[in-house]
N, C-alpha and C. Protein backbone atom coordinates (compact mmCIF):
# COMPACT_ATOMS: atom_id res chain seq x y z
N UNK A 1 -93.00 36.45 -133.70
CA UNK A 1 -93.73 37.41 -132.91
C UNK A 1 -94.41 38.39 -133.86
N UNK A 2 -95.72 38.61 -133.71
CA UNK A 2 -96.43 39.55 -134.57
C UNK A 2 -95.89 40.97 -134.38
N UNK A 3 -95.58 41.65 -135.48
CA UNK A 3 -95.10 43.03 -135.39
C UNK A 3 -95.45 43.78 -136.67
N UNK A 4 -95.50 45.11 -136.53
CA UNK A 4 -95.70 46.00 -137.67
C UNK A 4 -94.78 47.20 -137.51
N UNK A 5 -94.34 47.74 -138.64
CA UNK A 5 -93.48 48.92 -138.64
C UNK A 5 -94.26 50.07 -139.26
N UNK A 6 -94.29 51.21 -138.57
CA UNK A 6 -94.97 52.41 -139.05
C UNK A 6 -93.99 53.58 -138.94
N UNK A 7 -94.33 54.75 -139.49
CA UNK A 7 -93.47 55.92 -139.31
C UNK A 7 -93.27 56.29 -137.83
N UNK A 8 -94.22 55.93 -136.97
CA UNK A 8 -94.12 56.25 -135.54
C UNK A 8 -93.24 55.26 -134.78
N UNK A 9 -92.91 54.13 -135.38
CA UNK A 9 -92.09 53.13 -134.72
C UNK A 9 -92.55 51.72 -135.02
N UNK A 10 -92.02 50.78 -134.27
CA UNK A 10 -92.37 49.37 -134.42
C UNK A 10 -93.28 48.96 -133.28
N UNK A 11 -94.29 48.20 -133.60
CA UNK A 11 -95.24 47.70 -132.60
C UNK A 11 -95.18 46.18 -132.66
N UNK A 12 -95.22 45.54 -131.47
CA UNK A 12 -95.17 44.08 -131.47
C UNK A 12 -95.94 43.53 -130.27
N UNK A 13 -96.43 42.31 -130.45
CA UNK A 13 -97.02 41.54 -129.37
C UNK A 13 -95.95 40.56 -128.91
N UNK A 14 -95.54 40.69 -127.65
CA UNK A 14 -94.45 39.86 -127.15
C UNK A 14 -94.59 39.65 -125.65
N UNK A 15 -94.52 38.40 -125.22
CA UNK A 15 -94.51 38.10 -123.80
C UNK A 15 -95.72 38.61 -123.03
N UNK A 16 -96.89 38.56 -123.65
CA UNK A 16 -98.10 39.04 -122.97
C UNK A 16 -98.23 40.54 -122.93
N UNK A 17 -97.52 41.25 -123.84
CA UNK A 17 -97.57 42.71 -123.87
C UNK A 17 -97.66 43.20 -125.32
N UNK A 18 -98.30 44.35 -125.48
CA UNK A 18 -98.25 45.10 -126.73
C UNK A 18 -97.21 46.19 -126.51
N UNK A 19 -96.18 46.22 -127.34
CA UNK A 19 -95.05 47.13 -127.12
C UNK A 19 -94.88 48.08 -128.30
N UNK A 20 -94.43 49.29 -127.97
CA UNK A 20 -94.06 50.28 -128.99
C UNK A 20 -92.57 50.57 -128.83
N UNK A 21 -91.84 50.42 -129.93
CA UNK A 21 -90.41 50.71 -129.94
C UNK A 21 -90.16 51.89 -130.88
N UNK A 22 -89.19 52.75 -130.51
CA UNK A 22 -88.88 53.87 -131.39
C UNK A 22 -88.00 53.39 -132.55
N UNK A 23 -87.56 54.34 -133.38
CA UNK A 23 -86.79 54.00 -134.58
C UNK A 23 -85.46 53.32 -134.26
N UNK A 24 -84.94 53.52 -133.03
CA UNK A 24 -83.67 52.90 -132.65
C UNK A 24 -83.86 51.54 -131.99
N UNK A 25 -85.13 51.14 -131.78
CA UNK A 25 -85.42 49.86 -131.14
C UNK A 25 -85.60 49.95 -129.64
N UNK A 26 -85.58 51.17 -129.09
CA UNK A 26 -85.77 51.37 -127.65
C UNK A 26 -87.25 51.27 -127.31
N UNK A 27 -87.56 50.54 -126.24
CA UNK A 27 -88.95 50.39 -125.79
C UNK A 27 -89.46 51.73 -125.27
N UNK A 28 -90.54 52.22 -125.86
CA UNK A 28 -91.12 53.51 -125.49
C UNK A 28 -92.30 53.32 -124.55
N UNK A 29 -93.15 52.35 -124.83
CA UNK A 29 -94.31 52.08 -123.98
C UNK A 29 -94.80 50.67 -124.22
N UNK A 30 -95.56 50.18 -123.25
CA UNK A 30 -96.14 48.84 -123.40
C UNK A 30 -97.35 48.73 -122.49
N UNK A 31 -98.17 47.74 -122.78
CA UNK A 31 -99.34 47.47 -121.95
C UNK A 31 -99.66 45.99 -122.03
N UNK A 32 -100.35 45.46 -121.02
CA UNK A 32 -100.69 44.03 -121.04
C UNK A 32 -101.60 43.72 -122.23
N UNK A 33 -101.31 42.61 -122.90
CA UNK A 33 -102.13 42.19 -124.04
C UNK A 33 -101.86 40.73 -124.31
N UNK A 34 -102.89 39.91 -124.43
CA UNK A 34 -102.66 38.49 -124.73
C UNK A 34 -102.12 38.29 -126.15
N UNK A 35 -101.65 37.10 -126.41
CA UNK A 35 -101.18 36.76 -127.76
C UNK A 35 -102.29 36.99 -128.77
N UNK A 36 -101.91 37.18 -130.03
CA UNK A 36 -102.91 37.38 -131.07
C UNK A 36 -102.27 37.87 -132.34
N UNK A 37 -103.07 38.56 -133.14
CA UNK A 37 -102.62 39.13 -134.40
C UNK A 37 -102.58 40.64 -134.27
N UNK A 38 -101.70 41.28 -135.04
CA UNK A 38 -101.50 42.72 -134.98
C UNK A 38 -101.43 43.26 -136.40
N UNK A 39 -102.12 44.36 -136.66
CA UNK A 39 -102.08 44.97 -137.98
C UNK A 39 -102.34 46.45 -137.89
N UNK A 40 -102.26 47.12 -139.02
CA UNK A 40 -102.51 48.56 -139.11
C UNK A 40 -103.64 48.78 -140.10
N UNK A 41 -104.61 49.60 -139.69
CA UNK A 41 -105.71 50.02 -140.56
C UNK A 41 -105.72 51.54 -140.51
N UNK A 42 -105.36 52.18 -141.62
CA UNK A 42 -105.23 53.63 -141.62
C UNK A 42 -104.13 54.04 -140.66
N UNK A 43 -104.47 54.87 -139.67
CA UNK A 43 -103.51 55.34 -138.67
C UNK A 43 -103.61 54.55 -137.37
N UNK A 44 -104.45 53.52 -137.33
CA UNK A 44 -104.72 52.81 -136.08
C UNK A 44 -104.13 51.41 -136.08
N UNK A 45 -103.71 50.97 -134.89
CA UNK A 45 -103.26 49.59 -134.69
C UNK A 45 -104.47 48.76 -134.31
N UNK A 46 -104.58 47.59 -134.88
CA UNK A 46 -105.70 46.70 -134.59
C UNK A 46 -105.14 45.36 -134.15
N UNK A 47 -105.67 44.83 -133.04
CA UNK A 47 -105.26 43.51 -132.57
C UNK A 47 -106.49 42.62 -132.49
N UNK A 48 -106.24 41.33 -132.68
CA UNK A 48 -107.30 40.32 -132.55
C UNK A 48 -106.72 39.18 -131.73
N UNK A 49 -107.39 38.82 -130.64
CA UNK A 49 -106.94 37.71 -129.80
C UNK A 49 -107.41 36.39 -130.40
N UNK A 50 -106.84 35.27 -129.97
CA UNK A 50 -107.30 33.97 -130.46
C UNK A 50 -108.79 33.74 -130.21
N UNK A 51 -109.34 34.37 -129.16
CA UNK A 51 -110.76 34.23 -128.86
C UNK A 51 -111.65 35.15 -129.68
N UNK A 52 -111.04 36.00 -130.54
CA UNK A 52 -111.81 36.87 -131.41
C UNK A 52 -112.04 38.28 -130.90
N UNK A 53 -111.43 38.66 -129.78
CA UNK A 53 -111.59 40.01 -129.26
C UNK A 53 -110.80 40.99 -130.12
N UNK A 54 -111.48 42.01 -130.63
CA UNK A 54 -110.88 43.04 -131.46
C UNK A 54 -110.62 44.27 -130.61
N UNK A 55 -109.39 44.80 -130.68
CA UNK A 55 -109.04 46.03 -129.96
C UNK A 55 -108.36 46.98 -130.92
N UNK A 56 -108.58 48.29 -130.72
CA UNK A 56 -108.03 49.32 -131.60
C UNK A 56 -107.25 50.31 -130.75
N UNK A 57 -106.04 50.69 -131.22
CA UNK A 57 -105.15 51.57 -130.48
C UNK A 57 -104.64 52.69 -131.37
N UNK A 58 -104.36 53.83 -130.74
CA UNK A 58 -103.66 54.91 -131.42
C UNK A 58 -102.17 54.64 -131.43
N UNK A 59 -101.40 55.48 -132.09
CA UNK A 59 -99.95 55.26 -132.19
C UNK A 59 -99.25 55.33 -130.85
N UNK A 60 -99.88 55.97 -129.85
CA UNK A 60 -99.29 56.05 -128.50
C UNK A 60 -99.77 54.92 -127.59
N UNK A 61 -100.45 53.93 -128.15
CA UNK A 61 -101.02 52.77 -127.45
C UNK A 61 -102.23 53.11 -126.58
N UNK A 62 -102.84 54.26 -126.82
CA UNK A 62 -104.11 54.57 -126.16
C UNK A 62 -105.19 53.75 -126.84
N UNK A 63 -105.97 53.00 -126.04
CA UNK A 63 -107.04 52.20 -126.63
C UNK A 63 -108.18 53.11 -127.07
N UNK A 64 -108.65 52.92 -128.29
CA UNK A 64 -109.70 53.74 -128.87
C UNK A 64 -111.03 53.01 -128.82
N UNK A 65 -112.10 53.79 -128.67
CA UNK A 65 -113.45 53.21 -128.70
C UNK A 65 -113.74 52.76 -130.13
N UNK A 66 -114.43 51.63 -130.26
CA UNK A 66 -114.79 51.14 -131.59
C UNK A 66 -116.16 51.61 -131.95
């Protein structure tokens, strides 16, 4: 499962969702998201779907305009 660890917590793509977990592993927030790749660029989370759709999120999973 694609995941990244940041000072704000762990983010992962799992079961059709983008999830944010706190330092203890507790689910803090999630939103629908297809499978894909997940990474961090600066302070932002970046996802890419198999179809090539690029999405950018803040640490609170708010989607940011590109």
